[in-house]
Amino acid sequence: MILLFFTKKRKCNNLDCISFPLQDTYGLEEVYQNKDTTYLAKYANNDSILRVEIIGQKKEDSQQLIRGRIARIKNQYEENISPYPGEISDSITCPSSFKPTISVINQNSLDISSFMIQLNERMTAGECQEKFIKYYSYNYYFYCQQSQKTFLVEIIYNKDQVRVDTPIFSCN
């Protein structure tokens, strides 16, 4: 007689695939997409908004996705040709103080691409005038080997609630 035992590996879902401080203070506000390989949602607490995109994929694809997302953000702040060139200016430039500085930090064996950007009242990036800045967006992009998922985490604070501490992320 042969007995076979099968154990099903616990599959994580959504935010329970990672851990970070104050995670349990966020409540789900809206799910934009929830498919087999992609989860896109907005959470909030009293102090901030958490936007998260989770994509199931291989590490090589994750690295390419993260590089592409960072390039897209950086391009919003690059010098561009003015749509109406003239006497005042032939180009549109953004002061360097508004441009994001990308850094890679290592936490719990995770390589996390991290940067901060300023957002306007519509919570969109690319703003280059101080008077229109309403929020600060802290972004953390990383890949979890255990779940084989890429995490694009954005924590948004009101302008007067600037944070300088980096949350410590870990994969579950």
Protein backbone atom coordinates (compact mmCIF):
# COMPACT_ATOMS: atom_id res chain seq x y z
CA MET A 1 0.00 0.00 0.00
CA ILE A 2 1.35 3.41 -0.98
CA LEU A 3 0.13 6.54 0.72
CA LEU A 4 0.62 9.87 -1.00
CA PHE A 5 0.35 13.15 0.82
CA PHE A 6 0.04 16.39 -0.99
CA THR A 7 0.57 19.70 0.68
CA LYS A 8 -0.43 22.84 -1.01
CA LYS A 9 2.02 25.69 -0.66
CA ARG A 10 0.32 28.74 0.80
CA LYS A 11 -0.10 31.29 -1.93
CA CYS A 12 0.02 34.89 -0.82
CA ASN A 13 -2.45 37.41 -2.12
CA ASN A 14 -2.20 41.13 -2.57
CA LEU A 15 -0.53 42.98 0.30
CA ASP A 16 -0.12 39.87 2.47
CA CYS A 17 2.85 38.91 0.26
CA ILE A 18 4.93 41.64 1.92
CA SER A 19 5.33 43.22 5.34
CA PHE A 20 6.19 46.79 6.28
CA PRO A 21 5.61 49.05 9.31
CA LEU A 22 2.08 50.35 9.81
CA GLN A 23 0.77 48.03 7.09
CA ASP A 24 -2.20 47.08 9.25
CA THR A 25 -3.28 50.74 9.52
CA TYR A 26 -4.17 50.90 5.83
CA GLY A 27 -7.71 50.13 4.74
CA LEU A 28 -8.63 49.15 1.21
CA GLU A 29 -10.35 51.98 -0.66
CA GLU A 30 -10.50 50.73 -4.22
CA VAL A 31 -9.33 47.81 -6.35
CA TYR A 32 -8.60 48.93 -9.90
CA GLN A 33 -7.54 45.53 -11.22
CA ASN A 34 -7.47 42.05 -9.74
CA LYS A 35 -6.48 39.41 -12.26
CA ASP A 36 -4.34 36.28 -12.07
CA THR A 37 -1.04 38.11 -12.50
CA THR A 38 -1.89 41.73 -11.73
CA TYR A 39 -3.28 43.50 -8.69
CA LEU A 40 -3.69 47.27 -8.64
CA ALA A 41 -5.30 48.99 -5.65
CA LYS A 42 -5.49 52.04 -3.42
CA TYR A 43 -5.36 51.91 0.37
CA ALA A 44 -5.48 54.74 2.90
CA ASN A 45 -5.03 55.57 6.55
CA ASN A 46 -5.30 58.85 8.48
CA ASP A 47 -1.92 60.13 7.31
CA SER A 48 -1.31 58.79 3.83
CA ILE A 49 -2.46 57.02 0.69
CA LEU A 50 -0.90 53.76 -0.44
CA ARG A 51 -1.06 52.85 -4.11
CA VAL A 52 0.22 49.41 -4.95
CA GLU A 53 0.72 47.43 -8.13
CA ILE A 54 1.65 43.77 -7.82
CA ILE A 55 2.65 41.81 -10.91
CA GLY A 56 3.40 38.10 -11.01
CA GLN A 57 6.42 37.54 -13.23
CA LYS A 58 9.96 36.21 -13.50
CA LYS A 59 12.85 38.16 -12.01
CA GLU A 60 14.28 39.11 -15.42
CA ASP A 61 10.94 40.57 -16.48
CA SER A 62 10.68 42.37 -13.15
CA GLN A 63 14.04 44.07 -13.62
CA GLN A 64 13.00 45.24 -17.07
CA LEU A 65 9.65 46.53 -15.77
CA ILE A 66 11.30 48.46 -12.92
CA ARG A 67 13.89 50.01 -15.26
CA GLY A 68 11.10 51.03 -17.66
CA ARG A 69 8.95 52.59 -14.93
CA ILE A 70 11.89 54.56 -13.57
CA ALA A 71 12.83 55.76 -17.07
CA ARG A 72 9.24 56.91 -17.63
CA ILE A 73 9.28 58.91 -14.38
CA LYS A 74 12.67 60.47 -15.16
CA ASN A 75 11.52 61.44 -18.68
CA GLN A 76 8.74 63.58 -17.23
CA TYR A 77 11.39 65.90 -15.83
CA GLU A 78 13.73 66.09 -18.84
CA GLU A 79 14.07 69.15 -21.03
CA ASN A 80 11.49 69.19 -23.85
CA ILE A 81 10.89 71.32 -26.90
CA SER A 82 8.26 73.95 -26.24
CA PRO A 83 5.00 73.29 -28.13
CA TYR A 84 4.97 77.03 -28.94
CA PRO A 85 8.62 78.11 -29.34
CA GLY A 86 9.16 81.82 -29.39
CA GLU A 87 10.95 84.77 -27.94
CA ILE A 88 10.72 83.66 -24.31
CA SER A 89 11.79 80.04 -24.62
CA ASP A 90 12.33 77.26 -27.13
CA SER A 91 12.27 74.57 -24.48
CA ILE A 92 10.56 73.56 -21.26
CA THR A 93 12.90 72.75 -18.39
CA CYS A 94 12.41 71.55 -14.87
CA PRO A 95 14.79 72.71 -12.10
CA SER A 96 16.94 69.92 -10.74
CA SER A 97 15.40 70.33 -7.26
CA PHE A 98 12.18 68.80 -8.65
CA LYS A 99 13.84 65.88 -10.41
CA PRO A 100 13.72 62.52 -8.63
CA THR A 101 16.92 60.97 -7.36
CA ILE A 102 16.83 57.20 -7.72
CA SER A 103 18.67 55.10 -5.19
CA VAL A 104 18.87 51.36 -4.67
CA ILE A 105 18.78 50.20 -1.08
CA ASN A 106 19.20 46.67 0.19
CA GLN A 107 16.83 45.50 2.91
CA ASN A 108 16.27 41.93 4.00
CA SER A 109 18.01 40.68 0.83
CA LEU A 110 15.73 42.87 -1.32
CA ASP A 111 17.13 45.37 -3.80
CA ILE A 112 14.64 48.21 -3.57
CA SER A 113 14.65 51.06 -6.08
CA SER A 114 13.56 54.10 -4.13
CA PHE A 115 12.73 57.69 -5.03
CA MET A 116 10.55 60.63 -4.03
CA ILE A 117 8.59 62.83 -6.41
CA GLN A 118 6.30 65.80 -5.96
CA LEU A 119 2.69 65.55 -7.09
CA ASN A 120 0.15 68.19 -8.03
CA GLU A 121 -3.42 68.39 -6.70
CA ARG A 122 -4.48 65.65 -9.17
CA MET A 123 -1.76 63.39 -7.71
CA THR A 124 0.20 63.28 -10.94
CA ALA A 125 3.96 63.57 -11.34
CA GLY A 126 5.95 65.96 -13.49
CA GLU A 127 5.15 69.18 -11.65
CA CYS A 128 8.04 71.66 -11.67
CA GLN A 129 6.58 74.68 -9.88
CA GLU A 130 6.57 74.83 -6.10
CA LYS A 131 3.21 76.59 -5.89
CA PHE A 132 1.48 73.61 -7.52
CA ILE A 133 3.03 70.89 -5.35
CA LYS A 134 0.41 69.39 -3.00
CA TYR A 135 1.81 65.92 -2.18
CA TYR A 136 5.04 64.00 -1.82
CA SER A 137 5.12 60.50 -3.25
CA TYR A 138 7.62 57.97 -1.88
CA ASN A 139 8.11 55.06 -4.27
CA TYR A 140 9.59 51.62 -3.65
CA TYR A 141 10.01 49.08 -6.45
CA PHE A 142 11.23 45.56 -5.71
CA TYR A 143 10.91 41.87 -6.57
CA CYS A 144 10.05 39.11 -4.09
CA GLN A 145 11.56 35.77 -5.05
CA GLN A 146 9.27 33.76 -2.73
CA SER A 147 6.08 34.90 -4.45
CA GLN A 148 7.70 35.66 -7.83
CA LYS A 149 6.00 39.04 -7.85
CA THR A 150 7.08 42.59 -8.52
CA PHE A 151 5.87 45.21 -6.06
CA LEU A 152 5.46 48.85 -7.05
CA VAL A 153 4.57 50.60 -3.80
CA GLU A 154 3.79 54.29 -3.59
CA ILE A 155 3.10 56.08 -0.29
CA ILE A 156 1.64 59.57 -0.68
CA TYR A 157 1.67 62.22 2.05
CA ASN A 158 0.35 65.77 2.08
CA LYS A 159 3.11 68.26 1.40
CA ASP A 160 3.25 69.33 5.05
CA GLN A 161 3.83 65.74 6.20
CA VAL A 162 7.22 65.12 4.62
CA ARG A 163 8.71 61.76 5.59
CA VAL A 164 12.38 60.90 5.41
CA ASP A 165 12.34 57.43 6.92
CA THR A 166 12.28 54.48 4.53
CA PRO A 167 9.89 51.69 5.50
CA ILE A 168 11.50 48.32 5.99
CA PHE A 169 9.96 45.85 3.55
CA SER A 170 10.15 42.09 3.72
CA CYS A 171 8.63 39.30 1.64
CA ASN A 172 6.28 36.81 3.29
